């Protein structure tokens, strides 16, 4: 279907970008550890690239991509659920909803 093809194109686009980042980061790490020393702490991809099993084998680019997908989409789903339940709870308690509205208006100060 057209929407299925669009979904696949979008997934392929995201995967292509993620794979290019993974490959670039792998090249940087292979060129020298000073790349990590410049950072305050390693990020998720750095940790996955440096991970080794008992035999000293690291993860492939595809395995790292799958882990990145899990984090991205699990985080998206968790955020959506949290927002939905928060809005539901506020709708059930108009007094608290009003308190939140007032606080947001105060923080935004007419913006």
Protein backbone atom coordinates (compact mmCIF):
# COMPACT_ATOMS: atom_id res chain seq x y z
CA UNK A 1 0.00 0.00 0.00
CA UNK A 2 1.14 3.62 -0.39
CA UNK A 3 1.34 4.18 3.36
CA UNK A 4 3.32 0.95 3.78
CA UNK A 5 5.83 2.07 1.14
CA UNK A 6 6.11 5.48 2.79
CA UNK A 7 6.70 3.81 6.17
CA UNK A 8 9.45 1.62 4.68
CA UNK A 9 11.10 4.62 3.00
CA UNK A 10 11.05 6.53 6.28
CA UNK A 11 12.52 3.59 8.21
CA UNK A 12 15.21 3.13 5.56
CA UNK A 13 16.04 6.85 5.77
CA UNK A 14 16.42 6.72 9.57
CA UNK A 15 18.47 3.51 9.37
CA UNK A 16 20.77 4.98 6.71
CA UNK A 17 21.49 8.01 8.88
CA UNK A 18 22.04 5.88 11.99
CA UNK A 19 24.35 3.50 10.11
CA UNK A 20 26.41 6.39 8.74
CA UNK A 21 26.81 7.76 12.28
CA UNK A 22 27.79 4.31 13.58
CA UNK A 23 30.37 3.82 10.80
CA UNK A 24 31.79 7.31 11.26
CA UNK A 25 32.09 6.82 15.02
CA UNK A 26 33.71 3.39 14.52
CA UNK A 27 36.32 4.98 12.21
CA UNK A 28 36.99 7.71 14.78
CA UNK A 29 37.42 5.18 17.59
CA UNK A 30 39.67 2.97 15.47
CA UNK A 31 41.86 5.95 14.64
CA UNK A 32 42.60 6.54 18.32
CA UNK A 33 41.14 6.64 21.80
CA UNK A 34 41.77 10.39 22.12
CA UNK A 35 38.30 10.91 20.60
CA UNK A 36 36.78 9.56 23.81
CA UNK A 37 39.12 11.56 26.01
CA UNK A 38 37.74 14.79 24.54
CA UNK A 39 34.26 13.93 25.85
CA UNK A 40 33.12 14.20 29.44
CA UNK A 41 31.62 10.72 29.15
CA UNK A 42 31.06 8.25 26.31
CA UNK A 43 27.65 8.24 24.67
CA UNK A 44 25.49 5.21 23.93
CA UNK A 45 27.06 4.45 20.54
CA UNK A 46 30.60 4.74 21.98
CA UNK A 47 29.70 2.25 24.69
CA UNK A 48 28.24 -0.20 22.17
CA UNK A 49 31.23 0.16 19.86
CA UNK A 50 33.66 -0.58 22.70
CA UNK A 51 31.66 -3.51 24.16
CA UNK A 52 33.25 -6.96 23.82
CA UNK A 53 32.03 -10.47 24.62
CA UNK A 54 34.04 -13.13 26.46
CA UNK A 55 35.92 -13.94 23.24
CA UNK A 56 36.81 -10.31 22.59
CA UNK A 57 34.35 -9.87 19.72
CA UNK A 58 32.53 -6.57 19.36
CA UNK A 59 29.09 -5.84 18.01
CA UNK A 60 28.52 -5.51 14.27
CA UNK A 61 27.10 -2.31 12.79
CA UNK A 62 23.75 -4.08 12.33
CA UNK A 63 23.68 -5.21 15.98
CA UNK A 64 24.42 -1.66 17.11
CA UNK A 65 21.70 -0.34 14.78
CA UNK A 66 19.20 -2.73 16.37
CA UNK A 67 20.14 -1.49 19.85
CA UNK A 68 19.78 2.13 18.71
CA UNK A 69 16.33 1.28 17.28
CA UNK A 70 15.30 -0.26 20.59
CA UNK A 71 16.32 2.83 22.54
CA UNK A 72 14.77 5.29 20.08
CA UNK A 73 11.45 3.55 19.71
CA UNK A 74 11.14 2.32 23.29
CA UNK A 75 11.84 5.85 24.49
CA UNK A 76 9.25 7.24 22.09
CA UNK A 77 6.62 4.75 23.26
CA UNK A 78 7.36 5.40 26.94
CA UNK A 79 7.13 9.16 26.45
CA UNK A 80 3.82 8.85 24.59
CA UNK A 81 2.37 6.63 27.33
CA UNK A 82 3.54 8.97 30.07
CA UNK A 83 2.04 12.01 28.35
CA UNK A 84 -1.25 10.19 27.73
CA UNK A 85 -1.60 9.11 31.35
CA UNK A 86 -0.61 12.57 32.62
CA UNK A 87 -3.25 14.25 30.46
CA UNK A 88 -5.82 11.66 31.54
CA UNK A 89 -5.01 12.19 35.22
CA UNK A 90 -5.20 15.97 34.84
CA UNK A 91 -8.58 15.64 33.09
CA UNK A 92 -9.83 13.58 36.03
CA UNK A 93 -8.69 16.25 38.52
CA UNK A 94 -9.67 19.72 37.24
CA UNK A 95 -8.26 21.47 40.31
CA UNK A 96 -4.78 20.09 39.62
CA UNK A 97 -5.23 20.78 35.90
CA UNK A 98 -5.88 24.42 36.74
CA UNK A 99 -2.82 24.54 39.01
CA UNK A 100 -0.65 23.17 36.17
CA UNK A 101 -2.14 25.67 33.70
CA UNK A 102 -1.40 28.56 36.06
CA UNK A 103 2.17 27.38 36.61
CA UNK A 104 2.78 27.05 32.87
CA UNK A 105 1.37 30.51 32.23
CA UNK A 106 3.59 31.93 34.98
CA UNK A 107 6.68 30.22 33.59
CA UNK A 108 5.98 31.32 30.04
CA UNK A 109 5.15 34.86 31.18
CA UNK A 110 2.90 35.70 28.23
CA UNK A 111 5.13 34.22 25.51
